[in-house]
Amino acid sequence: MLLTAFALSLATQTCKSYDTALPAPLSGWKRSGRGLDTGHSVTLARSGDSIRTTVRIRKAGTFGIALGEPGWIDVAPMRGKPLESVAHGHGPDCSTIRKIVRYRLRPGTYRVTVNKLKATRARLMLVRY
């Protein structure tokens, strides 16, 4: 019973501020930029029921797509099926990042689609790990 009460207190913990203690790969989340890339976030409008954009990868590695709203993230080569993610999870505590999905990507251009959004706009960021 005591353990349950402790778990509930952690779950209802309130943050005094948001996005102030982000780890280095996510430090650009607070900066706005143009286009999906590392170092800054971008806010995109939903078209129909999804957001569609592209991202260019210059060097192979593991990359994440951070999302500030609940939604479903797919990444696919320009001519191909969506890739399988290698990891996914929530953003750090006391951040406005709701989800991060990681993919192993090779150099090239990829389609990024975000579905199942309730909001009309969403903030995204490319994160290199």
N, C-alpha and C. Protein backbone atom coordinates (compact mmCIF):
# COMPACT_ATOMS: atom_id res chain seq x y z
N MET A 1 0.82 -1.20 0.00
CA MET A 1 0.00 0.00 0.00
C MET A 1 0.87 1.26 0.00
N LEU A 2 1.91 1.25 0.80
CA LEU A 2 2.81 2.40 0.86
C LEU A 2 3.50 2.60 -0.49
N LEU A 3 3.89 1.49 -1.12
CA LEU A 3 4.52 1.57 -2.43
C LEU A 3 3.57 2.15 -3.47
N THR A 4 2.30 1.77 -3.42
CA THR A 4 1.30 2.32 -4.34
C THR A 4 1.14 3.82 -4.13
N ALA A 5 1.11 4.26 -2.89
CA ALA A 5 0.97 5.69 -2.59
C ALA A 5 2.18 6.46 -3.12
N PHE A 6 3.38 5.87 -2.96
CA PHE A 6 4.59 6.51 -3.46
C PHE A 6 4.55 6.62 -4.99
N ALA A 7 4.15 5.55 -5.66
CA ALA A 7 4.06 5.56 -7.12
C ALA A 7 3.06 6.60 -7.60
N LEU A 8 1.92 6.71 -6.91
CA LEU A 8 0.92 7.72 -7.29
C LEU A 8 1.45 9.12 -7.07
N SER A 9 2.23 9.34 -6.02
CA SER A 9 2.77 10.68 -5.79
C SER A 9 3.75 11.07 -6.88
N LEU A 10 4.55 10.10 -7.37
CA LEU A 10 5.45 10.38 -8.48
C LEU A 10 4.69 10.67 -9.76
N ALA A 11 3.63 9.93 -9.99
CA ALA A 11 2.83 10.10 -11.21
C ALA A 11 2.13 11.45 -11.25
N THR A 12 1.81 11.99 -10.10
CA THR A 12 1.11 13.27 -10.06
C THR A 12 2.05 14.43 -9.74
N GLN A 13 3.36 14.17 -9.78
CA GLN A 13 4.35 15.21 -9.51
C GLN A 13 4.16 16.36 -10.50
N THR A 14 4.17 17.57 -10.02
CA THR A 14 4.05 18.72 -10.91
C THR A 14 5.42 19.33 -11.15
N CYS A 15 5.60 19.87 -12.30
CA CYS A 15 6.86 20.48 -12.67
C CYS A 15 6.77 21.98 -12.45
N LYS A 16 7.83 22.54 -11.93
CA LYS A 16 7.87 23.99 -11.72
C LYS A 16 8.16 24.72 -13.02
N SER A 17 8.87 24.05 -13.93
CA SER A 17 9.13 24.61 -15.25
C SER A 17 9.34 23.46 -16.23
N TYR A 18 9.22 23.76 -17.50
CA TYR A 18 9.34 22.74 -18.54
C TYR A 18 10.50 23.06 -19.48
N ASP A 19 11.11 22.00 -20.00
CA ASP A 19 12.18 22.11 -20.99
C ASP A 19 13.41 22.84 -20.49
N THR A 20 13.66 22.82 -19.19
CA THR A 20 14.83 23.52 -18.65
C THR A 20 16.02 22.60 -18.43
N ALA A 21 15.82 21.31 -18.33
CA ALA A 21 16.91 20.37 -18.06
C ALA A 21 16.96 19.28 -19.12
N LEU A 22 16.90 19.67 -20.37
CA LEU A 22 16.92 18.69 -21.46
C LEU A 22 18.34 18.16 -21.68
N PRO A 23 18.48 16.87 -21.98
CA PRO A 23 19.81 16.34 -22.29
C PRO A 23 20.34 16.95 -23.59
N ALA A 24 21.65 16.90 -23.77
CA ALA A 24 22.30 17.55 -24.92
C ALA A 24 21.65 17.25 -26.27
N PRO A 25 21.33 15.99 -26.61
CA PRO A 25 20.73 15.76 -27.93
C PRO A 25 19.39 16.48 -28.14
N LEU A 26 18.71 16.83 -27.04
CA LEU A 26 17.40 17.49 -27.14
C LEU A 26 17.46 18.99 -26.84
N SER A 27 18.65 19.52 -26.65
CA SER A 27 18.77 20.93 -26.23
C SER A 27 18.19 21.91 -27.25
N GLY A 28 18.12 21.54 -28.51
CA GLY A 28 17.56 22.43 -29.53
C GLY A 28 16.05 22.48 -29.55
N TRP A 29 15.40 21.69 -28.71
CA TRP A 29 13.93 21.64 -28.67
C TRP A 29 13.33 23.01 -28.44
N LYS A 30 13.99 23.87 -27.68
CA LYS A 30 13.44 25.20 -27.36
C LYS A 30 13.68 26.23 -28.46
N ARG A 31 14.53 25.90 -29.44
CA ARG A 31 14.81 26.82 -30.55
C ARG A 31 13.96 26.44 -31.76
N SER A 32 13.39 27.44 -32.39
CA SER A 32 12.60 27.20 -33.60
C SER A 32 13.46 27.40 -34.83
N GLY A 33 13.26 26.56 -35.80
CA GLY A 33 13.99 26.69 -37.05
C GLY A 33 13.11 26.31 -38.21
N ARG A 34 13.72 26.20 -39.38
CA ARG A 34 12.97 25.83 -40.58
C ARG A 34 13.39 24.43 -41.00
N GLY A 35 12.45 23.60 -41.27
CA GLY A 35 12.73 22.24 -41.71
C GLY A 35 13.09 21.32 -40.56
N LEU A 36 12.82 20.05 -40.75
CA LEU A 36 13.11 19.04 -39.75
C LEU A 36 14.60 18.74 -39.76
N ASP A 37 15.28 19.02 -38.64
CA ASP A 37 16.72 18.85 -38.56
C ASP A 37 17.13 18.80 -37.10
N THR A 38 18.40 18.50 -36.86
CA THR A 38 18.93 18.53 -35.50
C THR A 38 19.22 19.99 -35.14
N GLY A 39 19.31 20.28 -33.86
CA GLY A 39 19.68 21.62 -33.41
C GLY A 39 18.52 22.56 -33.20
N HIS A 40 17.34 22.24 -33.72
CA HIS A 40 16.16 23.09 -33.52
C HIS A 40 14.89 22.27 -33.77
N SER A 41 13.81 22.79 -33.28
CA SER A 41 12.51 22.17 -33.55
C SER A 41 11.81 22.94 -34.67
N VAL A 42 10.76 22.34 -35.19
CA VAL A 42 9.96 22.99 -36.22
C VAL A 42 8.50 22.70 -35.90
N THR A 43 7.65 23.70 -36.04
CA THR A 43 6.22 23.52 -35.83
C THR A 43 5.55 23.45 -37.19
N LEU A 44 4.84 22.35 -37.42
CA LEU A 44 4.20 22.13 -38.72
C LEU A 44 2.70 21.98 -38.54
N ALA A 45 1.96 22.42 -39.55
CA ALA A 45 0.50 22.33 -39.54
C ALA A 45 0.06 21.00 -40.12
N ARG A 46 -1.00 20.51 -39.57
CA ARG A 46 -1.61 19.28 -40.07
C ARG A 46 -2.33 19.59 -41.37
N SER A 47 -2.19 18.68 -42.33
CA SER A 47 -2.92 18.76 -43.59
C SER A 47 -3.79 17.52 -43.66
N GLY A 48 -5.10 17.71 -43.62
CA GLY A 48 -5.99 16.57 -43.51
C GLY A 48 -5.86 15.96 -42.13
N ASP A 49 -5.51 14.70 -42.09
CA ASP A 49 -5.41 14.05 -40.79
C ASP A 49 -3.96 13.78 -40.37
N SER A 50 -2.98 14.36 -41.09
CA SER A 50 -1.59 14.08 -40.75
C SER A 50 -0.67 15.25 -41.10
N ILE A 51 0.55 15.13 -40.62
CA ILE A 51 1.63 16.05 -40.99
C ILE A 51 2.60 15.25 -41.85
N ARG A 52 3.00 15.83 -42.96
CA ARG A 52 3.96 15.18 -43.84
C ARG A 52 5.11 16.14 -44.11
N THR A 53 6.33 15.62 -43.98
CA THR A 53 7.51 16.42 -44.27
C THR A 53 8.62 15.47 -44.71
N THR A 54 9.78 16.02 -45.02
CA THR A 54 10.93 15.19 -45.38
C THR A 54 12.11 15.57 -44.50
N VAL A 55 13.07 14.66 -44.45
CA VAL A 55 14.30 14.92 -43.71
C VAL A 55 15.45 14.32 -44.51
N ARG A 56 16.54 15.04 -44.56
CA ARG A 56 17.73 14.55 -45.27
C ARG A 56 18.77 14.12 -44.25
N ILE A 57 19.24 12.90 -44.38
CA ILE A 57 20.26 12.36 -43.50
C ILE A 57 21.59 12.37 -44.25
N ARG A 58 22.60 12.98 -43.66
CA ARG A 58 23.90 13.11 -44.32
C ARG A 58 24.87 12.00 -43.93
N LYS A 59 24.76 11.51 -42.68
CA LYS A 59 25.66 10.49 -42.16
C LYS A 59 24.83 9.43 -41.45
N ALA A 60 25.11 8.16 -41.73
CA ALA A 60 24.35 7.06 -41.14
C ALA A 60 24.41 7.09 -39.61
N GLY A 61 23.32 6.65 -38.99
CA GLY A 61 23.28 6.59 -37.53
C GLY A 61 21.89 6.33 -37.03
N THR A 62 21.75 6.40 -35.73
CA THR A 62 20.44 6.26 -35.10
C THR A 62 19.90 7.66 -34.84
N PHE A 63 18.70 7.89 -35.35
CA PHE A 63 18.05 9.19 -35.22
C PHE A 63 16.67 9.00 -34.61
N GLY A 64 16.25 9.99 -33.85
CA GLY A 64 14.91 9.98 -33.31
C GLY A 64 14.11 11.14 -33.87
N ILE A 65 12.81 10.93 -33.92
CA ILE A 65 11.88 12.01 -34.26
C ILE A 65 11.15 12.32 -32.96
N ALA A 66 11.38 13.51 -32.42
CA ALA A 66 10.70 13.95 -31.20
C ALA A 66 9.43 14.67 -31.60
N LEU A 67 8.37 14.44 -30.83
CA LEU A 67 7.05 15.00 -31.14
C LEU A 67 6.45 15.60 -29.88
N GLY A 68 5.91 16.80 -30.00
CA GLY A 68 5.34 17.51 -28.86
C GLY A 68 3.88 17.23 -28.60
N GLU A 69 3.27 16.37 -29.37
CA GLU A 69 1.85 16.00 -29.23
C GLU A 69 1.73 14.49 -29.29
N PRO A 70 0.66 13.93 -28.74
CA PRO A 70 0.44 12.50 -28.96
C PRO A 70 0.19 12.25 -30.45
N GLY A 71 0.80 11.22 -30.99
CA GLY A 71 0.62 10.90 -32.39
C GLY A 71 1.42 9.68 -32.78
N TRP A 72 1.30 9.27 -34.03
CA TRP A 72 1.97 8.09 -34.57
C TRP A 72 2.97 8.56 -35.61
N ILE A 73 4.25 8.17 -35.47
CA ILE A 73 5.32 8.64 -36.34
C ILE A 73 5.79 7.51 -37.25
N ASP A 74 5.82 7.77 -38.55
CA ASP A 74 6.38 6.83 -39.52
C ASP A 74 7.49 7.52 -40.30
N VAL A 75 8.56 6.79 -40.56
CA VAL A 75 9.67 7.26 -41.39
C VAL A 75 9.87 6.23 -42.49
N ALA A 76 9.98 6.70 -43.74
CA ALA A 76 10.13 5.79 -44.87
C ALA A 76 11.08 6.41 -45.89
N PRO A 77 11.83 5.56 -46.60
CA PRO A 77 12.60 6.10 -47.73
C PRO A 77 11.63 6.74 -48.72
N MET A 78 12.11 7.63 -49.55
CA MET A 78 11.23 8.33 -50.49
C MET A 78 10.45 7.34 -51.35
N ARG A 79 11.06 6.24 -51.72
CA ARG A 79 10.37 5.19 -52.48
C ARG A 79 10.46 3.91 -51.67
N GLY A 80 9.52 3.74 -50.78
CA GLY A 80 9.56 2.52 -49.99
C GLY A 80 8.55 2.54 -48.86
N LYS A 81 8.53 1.44 -48.15
CA LYS A 81 7.60 1.25 -47.05
C LYS A 81 8.17 1.85 -45.77
N PRO A 82 7.30 2.16 -44.80
CA PRO A 82 7.79 2.67 -43.51
C PRO A 82 8.79 1.71 -42.87
N LEU A 83 9.80 2.29 -42.26
CA LEU A 83 10.83 1.51 -41.58
C LEU A 83 10.35 1.05 -40.22
N GLU A 84 10.96 0.01 -39.73
CA GLU A 84 10.68 -0.46 -38.38
C GLU A 84 11.51 0.37 -37.41
N SER A 85 10.89 0.83 -36.34
CA SER A 85 11.62 1.62 -35.35
C SER A 85 12.52 0.69 -34.54
N VAL A 86 13.59 1.26 -33.97
CA VAL A 86 14.49 0.48 -33.12
C VAL A 86 14.22 0.76 -31.64
N ALA A 87 13.52 1.84 -31.34
CA ALA A 87 13.16 2.17 -29.96
C ALA A 87 12.13 3.28 -29.98
N HIS A 88 11.36 3.37 -28.92
CA HIS A 88 10.42 4.49 -28.78
C HIS A 88 10.13 4.68 -27.30
N GLY A 89 9.74 5.89 -26.97
CA GLY A 89 9.43 6.19 -25.58
C GLY A 89 8.95 7.61 -25.44
N HIS A 90 8.79 8.02 -24.20
CA HIS A 90 8.34 9.37 -23.88
C HIS A 90 9.54 10.30 -23.81
N GLY A 91 9.27 11.58 -23.88
CA GLY A 91 10.32 12.56 -23.67
C GLY A 91 10.70 12.60 -22.20
N PRO A 92 11.74 13.35 -21.86
CA PRO A 92 12.18 13.45 -20.47
C PRO A 92 11.09 14.04 -19.57
N ASP A 93 11.15 13.72 -18.29
CA ASP A 93 10.23 14.32 -17.34
C ASP A 93 10.35 15.84 -17.42
N CYS A 94 9.27 16.50 -17.18
CA CYS A 94 9.19 17.97 -17.18
C CYS A 94 9.63 18.58 -18.51
N SER A 95 9.32 17.88 -19.59
CA SER A 95 9.55 18.45 -20.91
C SER A 95 8.23 18.44 -21.66
N THR A 96 8.17 19.20 -22.73
CA THR A 96 6.98 19.22 -23.57
C THR A 96 7.08 18.21 -24.70
N ILE A 97 8.10 17.37 -24.67
CA ILE A 97 8.26 16.30 -25.65
C ILE A 97 7.40 15.13 -25.19
N ARG A 98 6.45 14.74 -26.01
CA ARG A 98 5.52 13.66 -25.63
C ARG A 98 5.99 12.29 -26.10
N LYS A 99 6.77 12.25 -27.19
CA LYS A 99 7.16 10.97 -27.75
C LYS A 99 8.44 11.14 -28.55
N ILE A 100 9.28 10.08 -28.53
CA ILE A 100 10.45 10.02 -29.39
C ILE A 100 10.51 8.61 -29.97
N VAL A 101 10.57 8.53 -31.30
CA VAL A 101 10.69 7.24 -31.97
C VAL A 101 12.03 7.24 -32.70
N ARG A 102 12.83 6.17 -32.49
CA ARG A 102 14.18 6.09 -33.06
C ARG A 102 14.21 5.11 -34.23
N TYR A 103 15.05 5.48 -35.21
CA TYR A 103 15.25 4.67 -36.41
C TYR A 103 16.74 4.64 -36.75
N ARG A 104 17.19 3.56 -37.37
CA ARG A 104 18.54 3.51 -37.93
C ARG A 104 18.41 3.98 -39.38
N LEU A 105 19.10 5.06 -39.70
CA LEU A 105 18.97 5.66 -41.03
C LEU A 105 20.32 5.75 -41.73
N ARG A 106 20.29 5.54 -43.03
CA ARG A 106 21.46 5.71 -43.89
C ARG A 106 21.34 7.05 -44.60
N PRO A 107 22.42 7.52 -45.20
CA PRO A 107 22.31 8.79 -45.94
C PRO A 107 21.21 8.72 -47.00
N GLY A 108 20.47 9.80 -47.10
CA GLY A 108 19.40 9.88 -48.08
C GLY A 108 18.27 10.76 -47.57
N THR A 109 17.21 10.84 -48.34
CA THR A 109 16.04 11.64 -47.99
C THR A 109 14.91 10.70 -47.62
N TYR A 110 14.21 11.04 -46.54
CA TYR A 110 13.14 10.20 -46.00
C TYR A 110 11.86 11.01 -45.86
N ARG A 111 10.73 10.32 -46.02
CA ARG A 111 9.42 10.90 -45.73
C ARG A 111 9.13 10.68 -44.25
N VAL A 112 8.63 11.71 -43.60
CA VAL A 112 8.20 11.61 -42.20
C VAL A 112 6.72 11.94 -42.18
N THR A 113 5.93 11.02 -41.64
CA THR A 113 4.49 11.22 -41.54
C THR A 113 4.08 11.06 -40.08
N VAL A 114 3.30 12.02 -39.60
CA VAL A 114 2.77 11.97 -38.24
C VAL A 114 1.25 11.88 -38.36
N ASN A 115 0.69 10.79 -37.87
CA ASN A 115 -0.75 10.53 -37.93
C ASN A 115 -1.36 10.53 -36.53
N LYS A 116 -2.67 10.42 -36.52
CA LYS A 116 -3.46 10.31 -35.28
C LYS A 116 -3.25 11.50 -34.35
N LEU A 117 -3.11 12.67 -34.94
CA LEU A 117 -2.97 13.91 -34.17
C LEU A 117 -4.34 14.49 -33.84
N LYS A 118 -4.48 14.99 -32.66
CA LYS A 118 -5.70 15.71 -32.30
C LYS A 118 -5.51 17.20 -32.52
N ALA A 119 -4.29 17.68 -32.34
CA ALA A 119 -3.98 19.10 -32.53
C ALA A 119 -3.84 19.42 -34.01
N THR A 120 -4.02 20.67 -34.37
CA THR A 120 -3.88 21.09 -35.76
C THR A 120 -2.43 21.39 -36.13
N ARG A 121 -1.57 21.54 -35.12
CA ARG A 121 -0.15 21.80 -35.33
C ARG A 121 0.64 20.94 -34.35
N ALA A 122 1.87 20.63 -34.71
CA ALA A 122 2.72 19.86 -33.81
C ALA A 122 4.18 20.26 -34.00
N ARG A 123 4.91 20.19 -32.93
CA ARG A 123 6.33 20.51 -32.96
C ARG A 123 7.13 19.21 -33.07
N LEU A 124 8.11 19.19 -33.98
CA LEU A 124 8.96 18.03 -34.20
C LEU A 124 10.42 18.45 -34.18
N MET A 125 11.28 17.46 -33.94
CA MET A 125 12.72 17.70 -34.00
C MET A 125 13.43 16.40 -34.34
N LEU A 126 14.45 16.49 -35.19
CA LEU A 126 15.30 15.36 -35.48
C LEU A 126 16.38 15.30 -34.41
N VAL A 127 16.59 14.12 -33.84
CA VAL A 127 17.54 13.95 -32.76
C VAL A 127 18.55 12.89 -33.16
N ARG A 128 19.84 13.22 -33.10
CA ARG A 128 20.89 12.23 -33.40
C ARG A 128 21.38 11.61 -32.10
N TYR A 129 21.45 10.29 -32.09
CA TYR A 129 21.94 9.56 -30.90
C TYR A 129 23.28 8.93 -31.17
